[in-house]
Protein backbone atom coordinates (compact mmCIF):
# COMPACT_ATOMS: atom_id res chain seq x y z
CA MET A 1 -8.03 0.84 -27.12
CA ALA A 2 -8.00 -1.50 -24.12
CA THR A 3 -5.08 -1.90 -21.73
CA LYS A 4 -4.35 -5.01 -19.67
CA ARG A 5 -3.40 -4.35 -16.05
CA VAL A 6 -2.42 -6.63 -13.15
CA GLU A 7 -3.57 -5.69 -9.65
CA GLN A 8 -2.23 -7.49 -6.59
CA PHE A 9 -3.90 -7.55 -3.19
CA GLU A 10 -2.25 -8.94 -0.08
CA CYS A 11 -4.75 -10.79 2.09
CA ASP A 12 -4.70 -11.84 5.73
CA ASP A 13 -3.73 -15.42 4.80
CA ARG A 14 -3.70 -17.92 1.94
CA TYR A 15 -7.35 -18.92 2.45
CA GLU A 16 -8.50 -15.29 2.09
CA ALA A 17 -6.42 -14.87 -1.10
CA GLU A 18 -7.92 -18.04 -2.58
CA LYS A 19 -11.42 -16.89 -1.64
CA LEU A 20 -10.91 -13.46 -3.23
CA ALA A 21 -9.51 -14.94 -6.45
CA GLY A 22 -12.53 -17.27 -6.59
CA PHE A 23 -15.07 -14.47 -6.08
CA LEU A 24 -13.49 -12.51 -8.93
CA ALA A 25 -12.96 -15.45 -11.27
CA ILE A 26 -14.46 -15.44 -14.76
CA GLN A 27 -17.28 -17.98 -15.03
CA LYS A 28 -18.29 -20.09 -18.04
CA ASP A 29 -20.56 -17.30 -19.33
CA ASP A 30 -17.55 -14.89 -19.37
CA PHE A 31 -18.93 -12.89 -16.44
CA THR A 32 -18.25 -12.77 -12.72
CA TYR A 33 -20.78 -13.33 -9.96
CA LEU A 34 -19.82 -9.96 -8.50
CA ARG A 35 -22.55 -7.42 -7.78
CA GLY A 36 -20.81 -4.91 -5.54
CA VAL A 37 -19.34 -4.03 -2.17
CA ALA A 38 -21.53 -3.76 0.91
CA ASN A 39 -18.96 -2.28 3.26
CA VAL A 40 -15.35 -1.87 4.31
CA ILE A 41 -14.70 -2.34 8.03
CA GLU A 42 -11.02 -1.82 8.85
CA ASN A 43 -9.24 -4.53 6.77
CA GLU A 44 -12.44 -6.46 5.97
CA LEU A 45 -14.26 -6.04 2.66
CA VAL A 46 -17.81 -7.36 2.36
CA ILE A 47 -18.59 -8.42 -1.22
CA ILE A 48 -22.11 -8.92 -2.59
CA LEU A 49 -22.58 -11.56 -5.27
CA LYS A 50 -25.33 -11.66 -7.92
CA ASP A 51 -27.25 -14.24 -5.87
CA SER A 52 -27.48 -11.51 -3.16
CA SER A 53 -25.21 -13.43 -0.78
CA SER A 54 -22.55 -11.47 1.11
CA HIS A 55 -19.03 -12.69 1.81
CA SER A 56 -16.17 -11.09 3.67
CA VAL A 57 -12.53 -11.06 2.65
CA LEU A 58 -9.83 -10.12 5.14
CA LEU A 59 -7.03 -8.09 3.61
CA LYS A 60 -3.63 -7.03 4.90
CA ASP A 61 -4.80 -3.58 5.99
CA LYS A 62 -7.48 -0.94 5.52
CA SER A 63 -5.74 0.79 2.61
CA THR A 64 -5.66 -2.51 0.68
CA ALA A 65 -9.38 -3.01 1.39
CA ILE A 66 -10.17 0.49 0.11
CA ARG A 67 -8.06 -0.06 -3.02
CA LEU A 68 -9.93 -3.33 -3.69
CA ARG A 69 -13.29 -1.60 -3.15
CA SER A 70 -12.33 0.96 -5.78
CA LEU A 71 -11.39 -1.78 -8.25
CA ILE A 72 -14.66 -3.63 -7.67
CA GLU A 73 -16.67 -0.42 -8.13
CA ASP A 74 -14.92 0.14 -11.49
CA ILE A 75 -15.76 -3.45 -12.50
CA VAL A 76 -19.43 -3.07 -11.55
CA GLU A 77 -19.64 0.26 -13.43
CA GLY A 78 -18.10 -1.34 -16.54
CA ILE A 79 -15.01 0.88 -16.57
CA ILE A 80 -12.82 -2.22 -16.42
CA THR A 81 -13.37 -5.92 -17.08
CA ILE A 82 -11.83 -8.86 -15.26
CA TYR A 83 -9.64 -10.91 -17.57
CA GLY A 84 -8.54 -13.46 -14.98
CA SER A 85 -7.61 -14.08 -11.37
CA ASN A 86 -5.31 -16.31 -9.37
CA PHE A 87 -3.52 -16.42 -6.05
CA GLU A 88 -0.22 -17.42 -4.53
CA ASN A 89 0.29 -17.62 -0.79
CA LYS A 90 -1.36 -14.52 0.75
CA ARG A 91 -1.54 -12.57 -2.51
CA ALA A 92 -4.49 -12.47 -4.91
CA GLU A 93 -3.80 -11.28 -8.44
CA ILE A 94 -6.57 -9.77 -10.54
CA ILE A 95 -5.89 -9.23 -14.24
CA THR A 96 -8.12 -6.53 -15.70
CA ILE A 97 -8.72 -4.82 -19.00
CA VAL A 98 -9.16 -1.06 -18.79
CA HIS A 99 -11.49 0.35 -21.45
CA ASP A 100 -10.23 3.68 -22.76
């Protein structure tokens, strides 16, 4: 049985929230371009995409960055799947499906 869950991440500003929602968006092939996390440096999370490019996202604080890293690791490992993403102001919302 799968469970839908909504995760919210407060970013440094609206641009960072939009960027994060875009990196985690579902593409036309029903996958994301996400490959993993390179590093967490204070409140900055460095994301690696499937094209091997790296992009940083500035979050509210270090604990938010660590929580997002954990979510991304679960996505990459196939424990959860991204169902959708969006943003409003400084907050990115990631909708996931947890596979039981």
